[in-house]
Amino acid sequence: MSHFSLSIGIVGLPNVGKSTLFNALTKKSVPAENYPFCTIDPSVGIVSVPDDRLWKLSEFSKSAKTIPAVIEFVDIAGLVEGAAKGEGLGNKFLTNIREVDAIAHVVRTFRDDSVIHVASKVDPMQDIGVINLELVLADFETVSKRIANIQKDVKKQDKDAVAEEIILKKVEKVLEGGHMAEDANLSEEEKFKIKSLNLLTLKPMLYVLNVSEATENVDITPAFGGASLPGMSVKIDPVFEKGFDDLIKKSYELLGLETFFTTGEDETRAWTIKIGSTAPIAGTAIHTDFRDKFIRAEVINWKDLLDAGSYANARAKGLVRTEGKEYIVKDGDVIEFKI
């Protein structure tokens, strides 16, 4: 059973509302028994992806079970300045975060004297700088070590080692300047060659602005010259649970993901795949065998199926298409795989 488990690490300085956010998210947690890959770890919350289409399809098929797509949120130990040098929970923090697909960086923008800020003033831009610098320092250490480790092979003129060193040197130079590895503008191929290093500053990042309806908030747009934060940002007020669905949607966008459905009397289920996946690749979300055993797929858009009132009507109207190996799955497709 292959399952596309998607994980997002929540980072931030102490007292920015990271745990409040995590706790509020995990109140929406789904029971783990449907997801055998779950770790029973207090710092991991499995949250279902809100999707009305799923429930409508389930009602349509009178399914016995409805299984949403899920995201794993990992609460990463509070980061302090000097984490890369092992301060605070430094190194444990860095191991935890290497495993995630993307990083949600919680930034406090509200002023509230009763909630102490670690630097004793609310300066979101400075906070972002502190955390990002720790990630940069950690990556710098990883890259330097790797360069040292491949020197023997480089001296022997080993083709792979020489190619890898060129990429690593490019990244090292950017990190040395205090910038994220993302700024080295590596090609997809170059990123793939150093994928095993799991560099933190190459991971997609989403800034979560922790706003408070109750108190004054610092406007951080001027700090970016009127632009919004680099990458994507989303505003959240954990107390009022506003913006969670937004956070999950943005996480999907950030990672280039979409959803297809399977539906029937037994169950209706949402599956997460990378945008641009062909039908056989999408099928591997259900089972790894689907890729090699794939014959064809019967496909219909979820809305067309509901509007038709039944599969029989949809077929009669020619709305159910037979697609082959080349078919690129679209968000909202309902698929029956023939293997």
Protein backbone atom coordinates (compact mmCIF):
# COMPACT_ATOMS: atom_id res chain seq x y z
CA MET A 1 0.00 0.00 0.00
CA SER A 2 1.82 3.12 -1.09
CA HIS A 3 0.49 6.29 0.47
CA PHE A 4 1.56 9.77 -0.40
CA SER A 5 2.21 11.16 3.03
CA LEU A 6 2.65 14.88 2.96
CA SER A 7 4.37 16.58 5.86
CA ILE A 8 4.86 20.19 6.83
CA GLY A 9 7.17 21.27 9.62
CA ILE A 10 5.97 24.19 11.73
CA VAL A 11 8.88 26.39 12.82
CA GLY A 12 9.13 29.66 14.67
CA LEU A 13 10.80 31.36 17.62
CA PRO A 14 9.51 30.56 21.12
CA ASN A 15 6.26 32.38 22.04
CA VAL A 16 5.14 33.19 18.51
CA GLY A 17 2.06 30.99 18.77
CA LYS A 18 3.55 27.93 17.13
CA SER A 19 2.12 25.46 19.64
CA THR A 20 -1.23 27.27 19.73
CA LEU A 21 -1.40 26.84 15.98
CA PHE A 22 -0.30 23.22 16.17
CA ASN A 23 -2.83 22.40 18.91
CA ALA A 24 -5.66 24.12 17.08
CA LEU A 25 -4.77 22.26 13.88
CA THR A 26 -4.57 18.90 15.59
CA LYS A 27 -7.96 19.40 17.22
CA LYS A 28 -9.02 18.76 13.65
CA SER A 29 -6.90 15.61 13.73
CA VAL A 30 -8.21 12.49 12.05
CA PRO A 31 -8.06 9.09 13.76
CA ALA A 32 -4.81 7.40 12.80
CA GLU A 33 -6.20 3.93 12.14
CA ASN A 34 -6.92 4.70 8.48
CA TYR A 35 -3.34 5.74 7.96
CA PRO A 36 -0.90 2.93 8.70
CA PHE A 37 2.10 5.17 8.02
CA CYS A 38 1.31 7.39 11.04
CA THR A 39 3.86 7.80 13.74
CA ILE A 40 2.41 7.97 17.22
CA ASP A 41 4.39 11.01 18.14
CA PRO A 42 3.07 13.89 20.23
CA SER A 43 4.63 16.34 17.83
CA VAL A 44 2.85 14.97 14.74
CA GLY A 45 -0.75 15.81 13.91
CA ILE A 46 -2.58 14.20 11.01
CA VAL A 47 -5.05 16.75 9.65
CA SER A 48 -7.62 16.04 6.96
CA VAL A 49 -7.71 18.25 3.91
CA PRO A 50 -11.07 20.09 3.82
CA ASP A 51 -12.79 19.18 0.54
CA ASP A 52 -16.55 19.50 -0.06
CA ARG A 53 -16.29 17.49 -3.27
CA LEU A 54 -15.34 14.38 -1.30
CA TRP A 55 -18.43 14.50 0.91
CA LYS A 56 -20.75 15.20 -2.00
CA LEU A 57 -19.36 12.19 -3.88
CA SER A 58 -19.69 10.03 -0.78
CA GLU A 59 -23.34 11.00 -0.42
CA PHE A 60 -23.85 10.34 -4.14
CA SER A 61 -22.40 6.81 -3.86
CA LYS A 62 -23.89 6.17 -0.39
CA SER A 63 -20.41 5.06 0.62
CA ALA A 64 -19.87 3.10 3.81
CA LYS A 65 -16.59 4.96 4.43
CA THR A 66 -15.27 8.41 3.51
CA ILE A 67 -11.53 8.92 3.65
CA PRO A 68 -10.10 12.42 3.16
CA ALA A 69 -6.61 13.27 1.97
CA VAL A 70 -4.34 14.18 4.89
CA ILE A 71 -1.38 16.38 5.75
CA GLU A 72 1.02 15.64 8.55
CA PHE A 73 1.93 18.71 10.58
CA VAL A 74 5.12 18.33 12.57
CA ASP A 75 5.67 20.64 15.52
CA ILE A 76 9.38 21.32 15.41
CA ALA A 77 11.00 22.17 18.77
CA GLY A 78 11.21 25.96 19.28
CA LEU A 79 14.21 27.36 17.51
CA VAL A 80 16.51 29.84 19.19
CA GLU A 81 19.44 31.80 17.89
CA GLY A 82 22.45 29.48 17.80
CA ALA A 83 20.46 26.31 17.06
CA ALA A 84 22.85 25.33 14.30
CA LYS A 85 25.66 25.47 16.87
CA GLY A 86 23.65 23.13 19.08
CA GLU A 87 22.03 25.77 21.32
CA GLY A 88 18.62 24.86 22.74
CA LEU A 89 17.27 21.78 21.01
CA GLY A 90 19.37 22.73 18.02
CA ASN A 91 20.44 19.47 16.49
CA LYS A 92 17.31 17.50 17.26
CA PHE A 93 15.34 20.31 15.66
CA LEU A 94 17.41 20.05 12.53
CA THR A 95 16.99 16.28 12.21
CA ASN A 96 13.21 16.59 12.59
CA ILE A 97 12.93 19.24 9.96
CA ARG A 98 15.05 17.47 7.34
CA GLU A 99 12.27 14.91 6.87
CA VAL A 100 9.44 17.31 5.99
CA ASP A 101 8.27 18.30 2.50
CA ALA A 102 7.78 21.96 3.28
CA ILE A 103 8.22 24.43 6.10
CA ALA A 104 5.50 26.61 7.64
CA HIS A 105 7.26 29.48 9.33
CA VAL A 106 5.07 31.03 12.05
CA VAL A 107 5.69 34.72 12.53
CA ARG A 108 4.06 36.72 15.29
CA THR A 109 2.72 40.06 14.12
CA PHE A 110 0.60 40.98 17.16
CA ARG A 111 1.65 43.17 20.05
CA ASP A 112 0.55 41.93 23.44
CA ASP A 113 2.48 42.79 26.59
CA SER A 114 1.13 39.72 28.38
CA VAL A 115 2.82 37.41 25.86
CA ILE A 116 6.56 37.88 26.21
CA HIS A 117 8.53 37.98 22.99
CA VAL A 118 11.87 36.28 23.08
CA ALA A 119 13.71 39.36 21.75
CA SER A 120 11.48 41.54 23.99
CA LYS A 121 10.00 43.40 21.03
CA VAL A 122 7.74 42.37 18.18
CA ASP A 123 9.76 42.68 15.01
CA PRO A 124 8.52 40.10 12.52
CA MET A 125 11.21 40.83 9.95
CA GLN A 126 13.96 40.32 12.50
CA ASP A 127 12.34 37.07 13.65
CA ILE A 128 12.20 35.79 10.09
CA GLY A 129 15.87 36.71 9.72
CA VAL A 130 16.87 34.83 12.89
CA ILE A 131 15.16 31.60 11.88
CA ASN A 132 16.27 31.74 8.26
CA LEU A 133 19.85 32.38 9.32
CA GLU A 134 19.77 29.24 11.51
CA LEU A 135 18.56 27.23 8.53
CA VAL A 136 21.30 28.76 6.37
CA LEU A 137 24.00 27.95 8.94
CA ALA A 138 22.81 24.37 9.26
CA ASP A 139 22.85 23.93 5.47
CA PHE A 140 26.26 25.55 5.22
CA GLU A 141 27.64 22.93 7.59
CA THR A 142 25.98 20.09 5.63
CA VAL A 143 27.31 21.36 2.30
CA SER A 144 30.86 21.98 3.58
CA LYS A 145 30.99 18.48 5.07
CA ARG A 146 29.77 16.94 1.84
CA ILE A 147 32.36 18.87 -0.21
CA ALA A 148 35.10 17.58 2.12
CA ASN A 149 33.78 14.01 1.88
CA ILE A 150 33.89 13.84 -1.91
CA GLN A 151 37.37 15.33 -2.32
CA LYS A 152 39.02 11.92 -2.80
CA ASP A 153 36.70 11.14 -5.70
CA VAL A 154 37.08 14.64 -7.13
CA LYS A 155 40.86 14.20 -7.19
CA LYS A 156 40.40 10.91 -9.07
CA GLN A 157 38.35 12.92 -11.58
CA ASP A 158 35.28 10.81 -10.84
CA LYS A 159 32.62 12.22 -13.18
CA ASP A 160 29.73 12.24 -10.66
CA ALA A 161 31.82 13.69 -7.85
CA VAL A 162 33.14 16.49 -10.08
CA ALA A 163 29.62 17.36 -11.23
CA GLU A 164 28.31 17.29 -7.64
CA GLU A 165 31.14 19.48 -6.40
CA ILE A 166 30.30 22.18 -8.97
CA ILE A 167 26.69 22.29 -7.70
CA LEU A 168 27.76 22.24 -4.03
CA LYS A 169 30.24 25.08 -4.53
CA LYS A 170 27.48 27.15 -6.15
CA VAL A 171 25.22 26.53 -3.12
CA GLU A 172 28.04 27.07 -0.61
CA LYS A 173 28.76 30.51 -2.03
CA VAL A 174 25.11 31.60 -1.67
CA LEU A 175 24.87 30.23 1.89
CA GLU A 176 28.12 31.92 2.82
CA GLY A 177 26.52 35.22 1.87
CA GLY A 178 23.72 34.48 4.37
CA HIS A 179 21.18 33.63 1.66
CA MET A 180 18.94 30.59 1.23
CA ALA A 181 20.09 27.79 -1.09
CA GLU A 182 16.94 28.54 -3.09
CA ASP A 183 18.76 31.71 -4.27
CA ALA A 184 21.40 29.62 -6.06
CA ASN A 185 18.76 29.14 -8.80
CA LEU A 186 19.60 25.49 -9.36
CA SER A 187 17.99 23.63 -12.22
CA GLU A 188 15.67 20.70 -11.39
CA GLU A 189 18.44 18.35 -12.47
CA GLU A 190 20.97 20.01 -10.15
CA LYS A 191 18.49 19.88 -7.25
CA PHE A 192 17.97 16.19 -7.93
CA LYS A 193 21.73 15.52 -7.77
CA ILE A 194 21.96 16.91 -4.22
CA LYS A 195 18.51 15.75 -3.10
CA SER A 196 19.91 13.31 -0.54
CA LEU A 197 21.37 16.22 1.45
CA ASN A 198 17.81 17.36 2.21
CA LEU A 199 18.83 21.00 2.39
CA LEU A 200 16.46 23.02 4.57
CA THR A 201 16.74 26.23 2.59
CA LEU A 202 15.74 24.44 -0.61
CA LYS A 203 12.43 23.35 0.89
CA PRO A 204 9.35 25.33 -0.11
CA MET A 205 8.44 27.77 2.66
CA LEU A 206 5.10 29.20 3.68
CA TYR A 207 4.99 32.14 6.07
CA VAL A 208 2.13 31.91 8.56
CA LEU A 209 1.38 35.32 10.04
CA ASN A 210 -0.04 34.88 13.51
CA VAL A 211 -2.44 37.78 13.79
CA SER A 212 -4.72 38.55 16.68
CA GLU A 213 -8.15 40.07 16.33
CA ALA A 214 -7.95 41.16 19.92
CA THR A 215 -4.79 43.25 19.79
CA GLU A 216 -2.85 45.51 17.50
CA ASN A 217 -0.85 43.88 14.69
CA VAL A 218 2.39 45.04 13.13
CA ASP A 219 2.07 45.58 9.40
CA ILE A 220 4.99 43.86 7.79
CA THR A 221 4.37 44.67 4.14
CA PRO A 222 6.45 47.88 4.16
CA ALA A 223 9.50 45.86 5.20
CA PHE A 224 9.34 44.11 1.84
CA GLY A 225 9.04 47.35 -0.04
CA GLY A 226 5.29 46.92 -0.24
CA ALA A 227 5.60 43.37 -1.56
CA SER A 228 4.22 40.44 0.36
CA LEU A 229 6.53 37.90 1.95
CA PRO A 230 8.76 35.89 -0.34
CA GLY A 231 7.09 32.64 -1.29
CA MET A 232 3.57 32.44 0.01
CA SER A 233 1.98 33.69 3.16
CA VAL A 234 -1.27 33.13 4.92
CA LYS A 235 -2.83 34.94 7.91
CA ILE A 236 -4.11 32.95 10.83
CA ASP A 237 -5.66 33.71 14.16
CA PRO A 238 -5.29 30.41 16.06
CA VAL A 239 -7.72 31.49 18.73
CA PHE A 240 -10.47 31.90 16.18
CA GLU A 241 -9.19 29.12 13.92
CA LYS A 242 -9.46 31.45 10.99
CA GLY A 243 -7.50 30.67 7.89
CA PHE A 244 -6.78 26.97 8.56
CA ASP A 245 -8.44 25.82 5.38
CA ASP A 246 -6.46 28.51 3.68
CA LEU A 247 -3.25 27.20 5.22
CA ILE A 248 -3.97 23.70 3.95
CA LYS A 249 -4.95 24.94 0.47
CA LYS A 250 -1.81 27.08 0.27
CA SER A 251 0.31 24.10 1.37
CA TYR A 252 -1.12 22.14 -1.55
CA GLU A 253 -0.37 24.97 -3.97
CA LEU A 254 3.11 25.41 -2.58
CA LEU A 255 3.93 21.74 -3.13
CA GLY A 256 2.24 21.51 -6.52
CA LEU A 257 -0.35 18.96 -5.42
CA GLU A 258 -3.87 18.11 -6.47
CA THR A 259 -6.59 15.61 -5.62
CA PHE A 260 -8.40 12.88 -7.51
CA PHE A 261 -11.19 10.67 -6.17
CA THR A 262 -12.31 7.08 -6.18
CA THR A 263 -15.93 6.45 -5.23
CA GLY A 264 -18.25 3.50 -4.73
CA GLU A 265 -20.46 1.83 -2.15
CA ASP A 266 -17.50 0.67 -0.07
CA GLU A 267 -15.72 3.98 0.16
CA THR A 268 -15.16 7.39 -1.33
CA ARG A 269 -11.59 8.52 -0.99
CA ALA A 270 -9.45 11.54 -1.86
CA TRP A 271 -5.94 10.83 -3.14
CA THR A 272 -3.09 13.32 -3.26
CA ILE A 273 -0.81 13.44 -6.29
CA LYS A 274 1.68 15.79 -7.90
CA ILE A 275 0.14 18.06 -10.54
CA GLY A 276 1.00 16.70 -13.99
CA SER A 277 0.92 13.01 -13.00
CA THR A 278 -0.10 10.53 -15.71
CA ALA A 279 -2.87 8.03 -14.91
CA PRO A 280 -0.49 5.11 -14.15
CA ILE A 281 1.58 7.31 -11.80
CA ALA A 282 -1.57 8.61 -10.10
CA GLY A 283 -2.64 4.99 -9.65
CA THR A 284 0.45 4.28 -7.55
CA ALA A 285 -1.14 6.44 -4.83
CA ILE A 286 -3.58 3.55 -4.43
CA HIS A 287 -1.15 0.70 -5.01
CA THR A 288 2.38 0.51 -6.40
CA ASP A 289 1.33 -2.32 -8.78
CA PHE A 290 -1.03 0.01 -10.60
CA ARG A 291 1.79 1.54 -12.55
CA ASP A 292 2.92 -1.64 -14.31
CA LYS A 293 -0.46 -3.36 -14.47
CA PHE A 294 -2.32 -0.29 -15.73
CA ILE A 295 -4.53 -1.01 -18.74
CA ARG A 296 -6.86 1.97 -18.88
CA ALA A 297 -8.77 4.38 -16.68
CA GLU A 298 -12.42 5.41 -16.74
CA VAL A 299 -12.49 9.13 -15.93
CA ILE A 300 -15.19 11.69 -15.23
CA ASN A 301 -15.10 15.11 -13.58
CA TRP A 302 -16.67 14.99 -10.09
CA LYS A 303 -19.21 17.71 -10.90
CA ASP A 304 -20.27 16.08 -14.19
CA LEU A 305 -20.88 12.84 -12.30
CA LEU A 306 -23.06 14.53 -9.66
CA ASP A 307 -24.98 16.50 -12.27
CA ALA A 308 -25.66 13.33 -14.27
CA GLY A 309 -27.32 11.79 -11.20
CA SER A 310 -25.86 8.32 -11.73
CA TYR A 311 -22.97 6.53 -13.43
CA ALA A 312 -25.44 5.00 -15.90
CA ASN A 313 -26.71 8.43 -16.96
CA ALA A 314 -23.17 9.77 -17.15
CA ARG A 315 -22.18 6.88 -19.42
CA ALA A 316 -25.26 7.34 -21.59
CA LYS A 317 -24.34 11.01 -22.02
CA GLY A 318 -20.79 10.05 -22.98
CA LEU A 319 -19.33 11.88 -19.97
CA VAL A 320 -17.25 8.91 -18.77
CA ARG A 321 -14.07 8.79 -20.85
CA THR A 322 -11.69 5.91 -21.36
CA GLU A 323 -8.13 7.18 -20.99
CA GLY A 324 -4.79 5.49 -21.62
CA LYS A 325 -1.28 5.65 -20.15
CA GLU A 326 -0.58 9.15 -21.45
CA TYR A 327 -3.55 10.79 -19.75
CA ILE A 328 -2.62 13.62 -17.36
CA VAL A 329 -4.89 13.45 -14.31
CA LYS A 330 -6.74 16.67 -13.47
CA ASP A 331 -7.78 17.99 -10.09
CA GLY A 332 -11.29 16.73 -9.30
CA ASP A 333 -11.21 13.69 -11.60
CA VAL A 334 -13.12 10.63 -10.40
CA ILE A 335 -11.21 7.60 -11.65
CA GLU A 336 -11.82 3.89 -11.93
CA PHE A 337 -8.61 2.06 -12.77
CA LYS A 338 -8.72 -1.04 -14.95
CA ILE A 339 -5.80 -3.35 -14.32
